[in-house]
Amino acid sequence: MNGVQQFPDFVTGLTEAALPFPSAKGWFMTGEGKQVAFIEFSETTDVAEHSHQEQWELVLAGSVRLVVEGQAMEYQAGDNFFIPAGAPHSAKVSAGYKAVIIFNEPARYAAK
């Protein structure tokens, strides 16, 4: 098996995130000044360049081509990466992508 097939009910029972991508679904929990998000994409999606507070992401399934401050890297299931606060970054996320993301800000995503 390559990666997580689906998030369990106790994850999808969390607060649903209002995401700016029609092909993405996500759920989150907030505490200790952080937000932990569980995200999945059903279609390959381009994420435009943006920046925010620190982000650490663990890839559970699929792949992502990430460009941070002009440096491109490819990450697969089992990989993780860190994006520093304020670093401009963009991505091409594969269909079937799933990840757990920890943001160093409690309100990165709003509730849907």
Protein backbone atom coordinates (compact mmCIF):
# COMPACT_ATOMS: atom_id res chain seq x y z
CA MET A 1 0.00 0.00 0.00
CA ASN A 2 1.35 3.41 -0.98
CA GLY A 3 0.20 5.99 1.55
CA VAL A 4 -3.08 6.53 3.37
CA GLN A 5 -6.20 5.41 1.49
CA GLN A 6 -8.59 7.66 3.42
CA PHE A 7 -8.63 9.69 6.59
CA PRO A 8 -10.44 7.97 9.48
CA ASP A 9 -13.80 9.22 10.72
CA PHE A 10 -12.31 10.89 13.78
CA VAL A 11 -10.28 13.13 11.43
CA THR A 12 -13.12 13.89 9.00
CA GLY A 13 -15.25 14.64 12.06
CA LEU A 14 -13.03 17.63 12.89
CA THR A 15 -13.86 21.18 11.77
CA GLU A 16 -13.94 21.31 7.97
CA ALA A 17 -11.56 23.87 6.45
CA ALA A 18 -12.63 26.49 3.93
CA LEU A 19 -10.01 25.81 1.25
CA PRO A 20 -9.55 27.91 -1.90
CA PHE A 21 -9.28 24.86 -4.19
CA PRO A 22 -12.37 23.02 -5.53
CA SER A 23 -10.43 19.72 -5.64
CA ALA A 24 -9.30 19.91 -2.00
CA LYS A 25 -10.93 18.92 1.27
CA GLY A 26 -9.49 19.46 4.69
CA TRP A 27 -10.16 19.34 8.39
CA PHE A 28 -8.30 21.01 11.23
CA MET A 29 -7.84 21.39 14.96
CA THR A 30 -6.35 24.35 16.75
CA GLY A 31 -4.48 24.66 20.04
CA GLU A 32 -1.35 26.00 21.70
CA GLY A 33 -1.14 28.79 19.08
CA LYS A 34 -0.87 26.24 16.23
CA GLN A 35 -3.20 24.67 13.70
CA VAL A 36 -2.95 21.05 12.52
CA ALA A 37 -4.63 20.39 9.17
CA PHE A 38 -5.42 17.15 7.34
CA ILE A 39 -5.67 17.88 3.61
CA GLU A 40 -6.50 15.80 0.52
CA PHE A 41 -6.69 16.66 -3.19
CA SER A 42 -8.82 14.72 -5.69
CA GLU A 43 -7.26 16.41 -8.76
CA THR A 44 -3.82 17.73 -9.68
CA THR A 45 -3.81 21.34 -8.51
CA ASP A 46 -1.52 24.35 -8.91
CA VAL A 47 -1.11 26.36 -5.71
CA ALA A 48 -0.12 29.96 -6.50
CA GLU A 49 2.82 31.58 -4.75
CA HIS A 50 1.99 32.83 -1.26
CA SER A 51 3.53 33.09 2.20
CA HIS A 52 2.48 32.73 5.84
CA GLN A 53 3.92 31.66 9.18
CA GLU A 54 6.05 28.51 9.57
CA GLN A 55 4.72 25.27 8.11
CA TRP A 56 5.82 21.66 8.59
CA GLU A 57 4.18 19.10 6.30
CA LEU A 58 4.19 15.31 6.27
CA VAL A 59 3.21 13.74 2.94
CA LEU A 60 0.93 10.74 3.48
CA ALA A 61 0.04 9.89 -0.14
CA GLY A 62 0.75 11.22 -3.63
CA SER A 63 3.39 13.81 -4.39
CA VAL A 64 3.97 17.54 -4.49
CA ARG A 65 6.43 19.67 -6.45
CA LEU A 66 7.23 22.51 -4.08
CA VAL A 67 9.08 25.72 -4.96
CA VAL A 68 10.32 27.68 -1.93
CA GLU A 69 12.18 30.93 -2.57
CA GLY A 70 12.97 29.75 -6.12
CA GLN A 71 14.25 26.28 -5.11
CA ALA A 72 12.20 23.35 -6.46
CA MET A 73 11.92 19.97 -4.72
CA GLU A 74 9.68 16.92 -5.19
CA TYR A 75 8.20 15.15 -2.16
CA GLN A 76 6.50 11.73 -2.04
CA ALA A 77 4.59 9.74 0.59
CA GLY A 78 6.74 9.41 3.70
CA ASP A 79 8.66 12.66 3.08
CA ASN A 80 8.31 15.83 5.10
CA PHE A 81 9.33 19.44 4.57
CA PHE A 82 9.55 22.74 6.40
CA ILE A 83 8.70 26.19 5.04
CA PRO A 84 10.10 29.14 7.03
CA ALA A 85 7.86 32.04 8.07
CA GLY A 86 7.38 34.55 5.26
CA ALA A 87 9.08 32.38 2.59
CA PRO A 88 7.35 32.75 -0.78
CA HIS A 89 6.32 29.31 -2.05
CA SER A 90 4.13 27.62 -4.64
CA ALA A 91 3.29 24.01 -5.44
CA LYS A 92 1.87 21.52 -7.92
CA VAL A 93 -0.04 18.94 -5.90
CA SER A 94 -0.84 15.54 -7.45
CA ALA A 95 -4.29 13.99 -7.58
CA GLY A 96 -4.62 11.72 -4.53
CA TYR A 97 -2.32 13.90 -2.40
CA LYS A 98 -2.86 13.64 1.35
CA ALA A 99 -0.89 15.42 4.06
CA VAL A 100 -0.79 16.42 7.69
CA ILE A 101 0.31 20.04 8.04
CA ILE A 102 1.23 21.93 11.20
CA PHE A 103 1.10 25.72 10.94
CA ASN A 104 2.72 28.00 13.50
CA GLU A 105 -0.42 30.12 13.53
CA PRO A 106 -3.76 29.23 15.05
CA ALA A 107 -5.98 30.63 12.29
CA ARG A 108 -4.29 29.54 9.05
CA TYR A 109 -7.58 28.08 7.76
CA ALA A 110 -11.06 29.23 8.66
CA ALA A 111 -14.00 26.89 9.20
CA LYS A 112 -16.15 26.10 6.18
